[in-house]
Structure formats: structure tokens, C-alpha cells
Amino acid sequence: MKRMITSIFLGLALGALGFSAFAHSVHGGSPVEMLWTVKSQLNLNTAQQQQWANAAALSASARKAMHASMQQARAALEAELAKAEPDLASVAAAADSARDQVSSLHRQARDAWLAVYATFTPEQKGIARDAIKSKLAAIEAKRASRQQSPPSSN
């Protein structure tokens, strides 16, 4: 029972960190980040390669920060749950603060990817468009198949 309650509170705390930030890293982030699979087809010039590397580094930094924030939120929640009267408001405030910090890093990464995209030629933008459409269709197909699957009985 205690484990179930802990799981519920942990879920709430991690949800407060921003599920959308997690979803971004799982699904490839911004649409421009979805281009990893076609990078070689884009035939990036030297300046674009440098911008790509910068955007990739910013994305990696944002993911690491998100992971660290989730670990801190979990530790804060566990510390509060160890008390006789946990202060869940302080856990929520800490999660909000962490979410805001991570959100800022994700915006910086997104802006870096948009800067890369802004340098693309019309041909590169066509390749990008097709890759993004393909990735979104795959995500939608996966979501649809999960909705059609019967729930597991535990």
C-alpha cells in the first residue's frame, strides 16, 4: 500500500515537472530535431554543420537537465514522504521551479534548431518537410495502435 501511495505521489510530482518536456525528448523534440534520420541527405554546408552541432549540444544539455530535475524531484518527494506530515506544497513548488528551468533550456535548443532550419535551401526544406511528415505519421500510427490494444490486466 505504501509503495502504491509513493508511486501516486511520485507520478504527480514528476507530472508537475512537465510531461511535455519528457515527450519532446522521447519523440525527437522539435520538428527540426526529427531530421537526424535524414541529416546525410541534407548535404549541410560547413556553417550549417556547425549550427547543427551547436543545436545538438543544446538539446543534449536540455535532456540531461531534465533528467537531473526529475531525480531531484523524486528525492524531494521521497524526503517529504519520509516525514510524519509531508509538505506536498513544497514538493510542488520545487517541481515547478525545476520545470521552469528545464523549459528555458528546451526553448534555447528549439531556437538553435530553428536557426539551423532558417539556413536551409528550398531543397533542404523539402527534405525536412518530408522527414517531419514521416516521423509524425509514425508517431500517430504508434499512438493509434496503443489505443486499439486492449489494456493489460495486472
C-alpha atoms as a PDB file:
ATOM      1  CA  MET A   1       0.000   0.000   0.000  1.00  0.00           C
ATOM      2  CA  LYS A   2       2.804   2.405   0.919  1.00  0.00           C
ATOM      3  CA  ARG A   3       4.508   1.633  -2.388  1.00  0.00           C
ATOM      4  CA  MET A   4       1.311   2.442  -4.291  1.00  0.00           C
ATOM      5  CA  ILE A   5       0.865   5.766  -2.479  1.00  0.00           C
ATOM      6  CA  THR A   6       4.508   6.633  -3.115  1.00  0.00           C
ATOM      7  CA  SER A   7       4.033   5.827  -6.808  1.00  0.00           C
ATOM      8  CA  ILE A   8       0.970   8.046  -6.999  1.00  0.00           C
ATOM      9  CA  PHE A   9       2.716  10.998  -5.358  1.00  0.00           C
ATOM     10  CA  LEU A  10       5.835  10.454  -7.430  1.00  0.00           C
ATOM     11  CA  GLY A  11       3.722  10.458 -10.557  1.00  0.00           C
ATOM     12  CA  LEU A  12       2.114  13.726  -9.523  1.00  0.00           C
ATOM     13  CA  ALA A  13       5.468  15.331  -8.757  1.00  0.00           C
ATOM     14  CA  LEU A  14       7.051  14.191 -11.998  1.00  0.00           C
ATOM     15  CA  GLY A  15       3.957  15.295 -13.874  1.00  0.00           C
ATOM     16  CA  ALA A  16       4.470  18.733 -12.410  1.00  0.00           C
ATOM     17  CA  LEU A  17       7.924  18.791 -13.987  1.00  0.00           C
ATOM     18  CA  GLY A  18       6.235  18.874 -17.311  1.00  0.00           C
ATOM     19  CA  PHE A  19       5.328  15.767 -19.217  1.00  0.00           C
ATOM     20  CA  SER A  20       5.663  17.733 -22.418  1.00  0.00           C
ATOM     21  CA  ALA A  21       9.393  18.145 -21.843  1.00  0.00           C
ATOM     22  CA  PHE A  22       9.721  14.375 -21.484  1.00  0.00           C
ATOM     23  CA  ALA A  23       7.545  13.768 -24.522  1.00  0.00           C
ATOM     24  CA  HIS A  24       9.743  16.078 -26.570  1.00  0.00           C
ATOM     25  CA  SER A  25      12.864  14.102 -25.799  1.00  0.00           C
ATOM     26  CA  VAL A  26      11.139  10.782 -26.450  1.00  0.00           C
ATOM     27  CA  HIS A  27       9.583  11.762 -29.765  1.00  0.00           C
ATOM     28  CA  GLY A  28      12.535  13.660 -31.188  1.00  0.00           C
ATOM     29  CA  GLY A  29      11.866  17.097 -29.791  1.00  0.00           C
ATOM     30  CA  SER A  30      11.063  19.927 -32.109  1.00  0.00           C
ATOM     31  CA  PRO A  31      10.202  19.113 -35.703  1.00  0.00           C
ATOM     32  CA  VAL A  32      13.685  20.137 -36.805  1.00  0.00           C
ATOM     33  CA  GLU A  33      15.217  17.678 -34.321  1.00  0.00           C
ATOM     34  CA  MET A  34      13.321  14.947 -36.156  1.00  0.00           C
ATOM     35  CA  LEU A  35      15.788  15.417 -39.015  1.00  0.00           C
ATOM     36  CA  TRP A  36      18.500  13.208 -37.553  1.00  0.00           C
ATOM     37  CA  THR A  37      17.498  10.358 -39.833  1.00  0.00           C
ATOM     38  CA  VAL A  38      17.990  12.451 -42.976  1.00  0.00           C
ATOM     39  CA  LYS A  39      20.982  14.528 -41.959  1.00  0.00           C
ATOM     40  CA  SER A  40      23.190  12.979 -44.634  1.00  0.00           C
ATOM     41  CA  GLN A  41      20.574  13.708 -47.316  1.00  0.00           C
ATOM     42  CA  LEU A  42      20.546  17.389 -46.376  1.00  0.00           C
ATOM     43  CA  ASN A  43      24.118  17.889 -47.627  1.00  0.00           C
ATOM     44  CA  LEU A  44      24.813  20.544 -44.997  1.00  0.00           C
ATOM     45  CA  ASN A  45      27.480  23.117 -45.732  1.00  0.00           C
ATOM     46  CA  THR A  46      30.205  23.896 -43.186  1.00  0.00           C
ATOM     47  CA  ALA A  47      28.284  26.705 -41.477  1.00  0.00           C
ATOM     48  CA  GLN A  48      25.164  24.549 -41.270  1.00  0.00           C
ATOM     49  CA  GLN A  49      27.224  21.670 -39.829  1.00  0.00           C
ATOM     50  CA  GLN A  50      28.491  23.979 -37.076  1.00  0.00           C
ATOM     51  CA  GLN A  51      24.988  25.218 -36.284  1.00  0.00           C
ATOM     52  CA  TRP A  52      23.715  21.619 -36.282  1.00  0.00           C
ATOM     53  CA  ALA A  53      26.415  20.612 -33.787  1.00  0.00           C
ATOM     54  CA  ASN A  54      25.509  23.563 -31.558  1.00  0.00           C
ATOM     55  CA  ALA A  55      21.797  22.715 -31.656  1.00  0.00           C
ATOM     56  CA  ALA A  56      22.541  19.057 -30.915  1.00  0.00           C
ATOM     57  CA  ALA A  57      24.682  20.048 -27.927  1.00  0.00           C
ATOM     58  CA  LEU A  58      21.945  22.320 -26.586  1.00  0.00           C
ATOM     59  CA  SER A  59      19.379  19.527 -26.977  1.00  0.00           C
ATOM     60  CA  ALA A  60      21.607  17.069 -25.138  1.00  0.00           C
ATOM     61  CA  SER A  61      22.136  19.606 -22.361  1.00  0.00           C
ATOM     62  CA  ALA A  62      18.386  20.147 -22.027  1.00  0.00           C
ATOM     63  CA  ARG A  63      17.764  16.391 -21.813  1.00  0.00           C
ATOM     64  CA  LYS A  64      20.437  15.981 -19.136  1.00  0.00           C
ATOM     65  CA  ALA A  65      18.979  18.870 -17.151  1.00  0.00           C
ATOM     66  CA  MET A  66      15.504  17.353 -17.420  1.00  0.00           C
ATOM     67  CA  HIS A  67      16.801  14.019 -16.138  1.00  0.00           C
ATOM     68  CA  ALA A  68      18.594  15.695 -13.234  1.00  0.00           C
ATOM     69  CA  SER A  69      15.471  17.706 -12.381  1.00  0.00           C
ATOM     70  CA  MET A  70      13.371  14.551 -12.341  1.00  0.00           C
ATOM     71  CA  GLN A  71      15.852  12.891  -9.998  1.00  0.00           C
ATOM     72  CA  GLN A  72      15.809  15.937  -7.695  1.00  0.00           C
ATOM     73  CA  ALA A  73      12.015  15.969  -7.677  1.00  0.00           C
ATOM     74  CA  ARG A  74      11.954  12.292  -6.797  1.00  0.00           C
ATOM     75  CA  ALA A  75      14.463  12.812  -3.990  1.00  0.00           C
ATOM     76  CA  ALA A  76      12.458  15.758  -2.639  1.00  0.00           C
ATOM     77  CA  LEU A  77       9.262  13.736  -2.747  1.00  0.00           C
ATOM     78  CA  GLU A  78      10.849  10.749  -1.021  1.00  0.00           C
ATOM     79  CA  ALA A  79      12.295  13.027   1.669  1.00  0.00           C
ATOM     80  CA  GLU A  80       8.883  14.537   2.310  1.00  0.00           C
ATOM     81  CA  LEU A  81       7.153  11.163   2.349  1.00  0.00           C
ATOM     82  CA  ALA A  82       9.617  10.001   4.990  1.00  0.00           C
ATOM     83  CA  LYS A  83       8.195  12.663   7.323  1.00  0.00           C
ATOM     84  CA  ALA A  84       5.159  12.102   9.529  1.00  0.00           C
ATOM     85  CA  GLU A  85       3.414  15.033   7.824  1.00  0.00           C
ATOM     86  CA  PRO A  86       4.797  15.545   4.329  1.00  0.00           C
ATOM     87  CA  ASP A  87       4.687  19.066   2.908  1.00  0.00           C
ATOM     88  CA  LEU A  88       3.473  18.328  -0.608  1.00  0.00           C
ATOM     89  CA  ALA A  89       3.209  22.045  -1.379  1.00  0.00           C
ATOM     90  CA  SER A  90       6.996  22.353  -1.067  1.00  0.00           C
ATOM     91  CA  VAL A  91       7.418  19.375  -3.395  1.00  0.00           C
ATOM     92  CA  ALA A  92       5.102  21.008  -5.929  1.00  0.00           C
ATOM     93  CA  ALA A  93       6.967  24.326  -5.659  1.00  0.00           C
ATOM     94  CA  ALA A  94      10.314  22.597  -6.209  1.00  0.00           C
ATOM     95  CA  ALA A  95       8.884  20.716  -9.212  1.00  0.00           C
ATOM     96  CA  ASP A  96       7.520  23.972 -10.664  1.00  0.00           C
ATOM     97  CA  SER A  97      10.901  25.646 -10.306  1.00  0.00           C
ATOM     98  CA  ALA A  98      12.682  22.723 -11.932  1.00  0.00           C
ATOM     99  CA  ARG A  99      10.150  22.654 -14.783  1.00  0.00           C
ATOM    100  CA  ASP A 100      10.697  26.370 -15.434  1.00  0.00           C
ATOM    101  CA  GLN A 101      14.472  25.909 -15.607  1.00  0.00           C
ATOM    102  CA  VAL A 102      14.219  22.946 -17.955  1.00  0.00           C
ATOM    103  CA  SER A 103      11.644  24.763 -20.090  1.00  0.00           C
ATOM    104  CA  SER A 104      14.100  27.599 -20.653  1.00  0.00           C
ATOM    105  CA  LEU A 105      16.777  25.149 -21.818  1.00  0.00           C
ATOM    106  CA  HIS A 106      14.326  23.458 -24.171  1.00  0.00           C
ATOM    107  CA  ARG A 107      13.413  26.842 -25.680  1.00  0.00           C
ATOM    108  CA  GLN A 108      17.100  27.603 -26.262  1.00  0.00           C
ATOM    109  CA  ALA A 109      17.561  24.257 -28.018  1.00  0.00           C
ATOM    110  CA  ARG A 110      14.420  24.795 -30.105  1.00  0.00           C
ATOM    111  CA  ASP A 111      15.636  28.236 -31.148  1.00  0.00           C
ATOM    112  CA  ALA A 112      19.006  26.780 -32.158  1.00  0.00           C
ATOM    113  CA  TRP A 113      17.268  24.175 -34.344  1.00  0.00           C
ATOM    114  CA  LEU A 114      15.116  26.872 -35.896  1.00  0.00           C
ATOM    115  CA  ALA A 115      18.271  28.834 -36.681  1.00  0.00           C
ATOM    116  CA  VAL A 116      19.650  25.773 -38.482  1.00  0.00           C
ATOM    117  CA  TYR A 117      16.415  25.397 -40.447  1.00  0.00           C
ATOM    118  CA  ALA A 118      16.465  29.082 -41.400  1.00  0.00           C
ATOM    119  CA  THR A 119      19.701  28.468 -43.312  1.00  0.00           C
ATOM    120  CA  PHE A 120      18.242  25.618 -45.396  1.00  0.00           C
ATOM    121  CA  THR A 121      17.842  25.903 -49.151  1.00  0.00           C
ATOM    122  CA  PRO A 122      14.415  25.179 -50.665  1.00  0.00           C
ATOM    123  CA  GLU A 123      15.619  21.646 -51.498  1.00  0.00           C
ATOM    124  CA  GLN A 124      16.772  21.044 -47.922  1.00  0.00           C
ATOM    125  CA  LYS A 125      13.452  22.357 -46.633  1.00  0.00           C
ATOM    126  CA  GLY A 126      11.644  19.865 -48.865  1.00  0.00           C
ATOM    127  CA  ILE A 127      13.703  17.008 -47.433  1.00  0.00           C
ATOM    128  CA  ALA A 128      12.995  18.355 -43.940  1.00  0.00           C
ATOM    129  CA  ARG A 129       9.260  18.605 -44.621  1.00  0.00           C
ATOM    130  CA  ASP A 130       9.068  15.038 -45.873  1.00  0.00           C
ATOM    131  CA  ALA A 131      11.089  13.676 -42.935  1.00  0.00           C
ATOM    132  CA  ILE A 132       8.956  15.536 -40.387  1.00  0.00           C
ATOM    133  CA  LYS A 133       5.728  14.344 -42.018  1.00  0.00           C
ATOM    134  CA  SER A 134       7.033  10.782 -41.964  1.00  0.00           C
ATOM    135  CA  LYS A 135       8.048  10.993 -38.299  1.00  0.00           C
ATOM    136  CA  LEU A 136       4.693  12.486 -37.303  1.00  0.00           C
ATOM    137  CA  ALA A 137       2.840   9.761 -39.207  1.00  0.00           C
ATOM    138  CA  ALA A 138       4.886   7.094 -37.398  1.00  0.00           C
ATOM    139  CA  ILE A 139       4.116   8.694 -34.020  1.00  0.00           C
ATOM    140  CA  GLU A 140       0.414   8.855 -34.877  1.00  0.00           C
ATOM    141  CA  ALA A 141       0.384   5.213 -36.022  1.00  0.00           C
ATOM    142  CA  LYS A 142       2.054   4.145 -32.772  1.00  0.00           C
ATOM    143  CA  ARG A 143      -0.464   6.159 -30.759  1.00  0.00           C
ATOM    144  CA  ALA A 144      -3.376   4.663 -32.695  1.00  0.00           C
ATOM    145  CA  SER A 145      -2.099   1.122 -32.185  1.00  0.00           C
ATOM    146  CA  ARG A 146      -1.769   1.729 -28.434  1.00  0.00           C
ATOM    147  CA  GLN A 147      -5.352   2.974 -28.303  1.00  0.00           C
ATOM    148  CA  GLN A 148      -6.581  -0.126 -30.116  1.00  0.00           C
ATOM    149  CA  SER A 149      -4.613  -2.530 -27.919  1.00  0.00           C
ATOM    150  CA  PRO A 150      -6.628  -3.980 -25.024  1.00  0.00           C
ATOM    151  CA  PRO A 151      -5.373  -2.857 -21.619  1.00  0.00           C
ATOM    152  CA  SER A 152      -3.214  -5.404 -19.849  1.00  0.00           C
ATOM    153  CA  SER A 153      -4.745  -6.992 -16.779  1.00  0.00           C
ATOM    154  CA  ASN A 154      -2.405  -6.714 -13.811  1.00  0.00           C
END
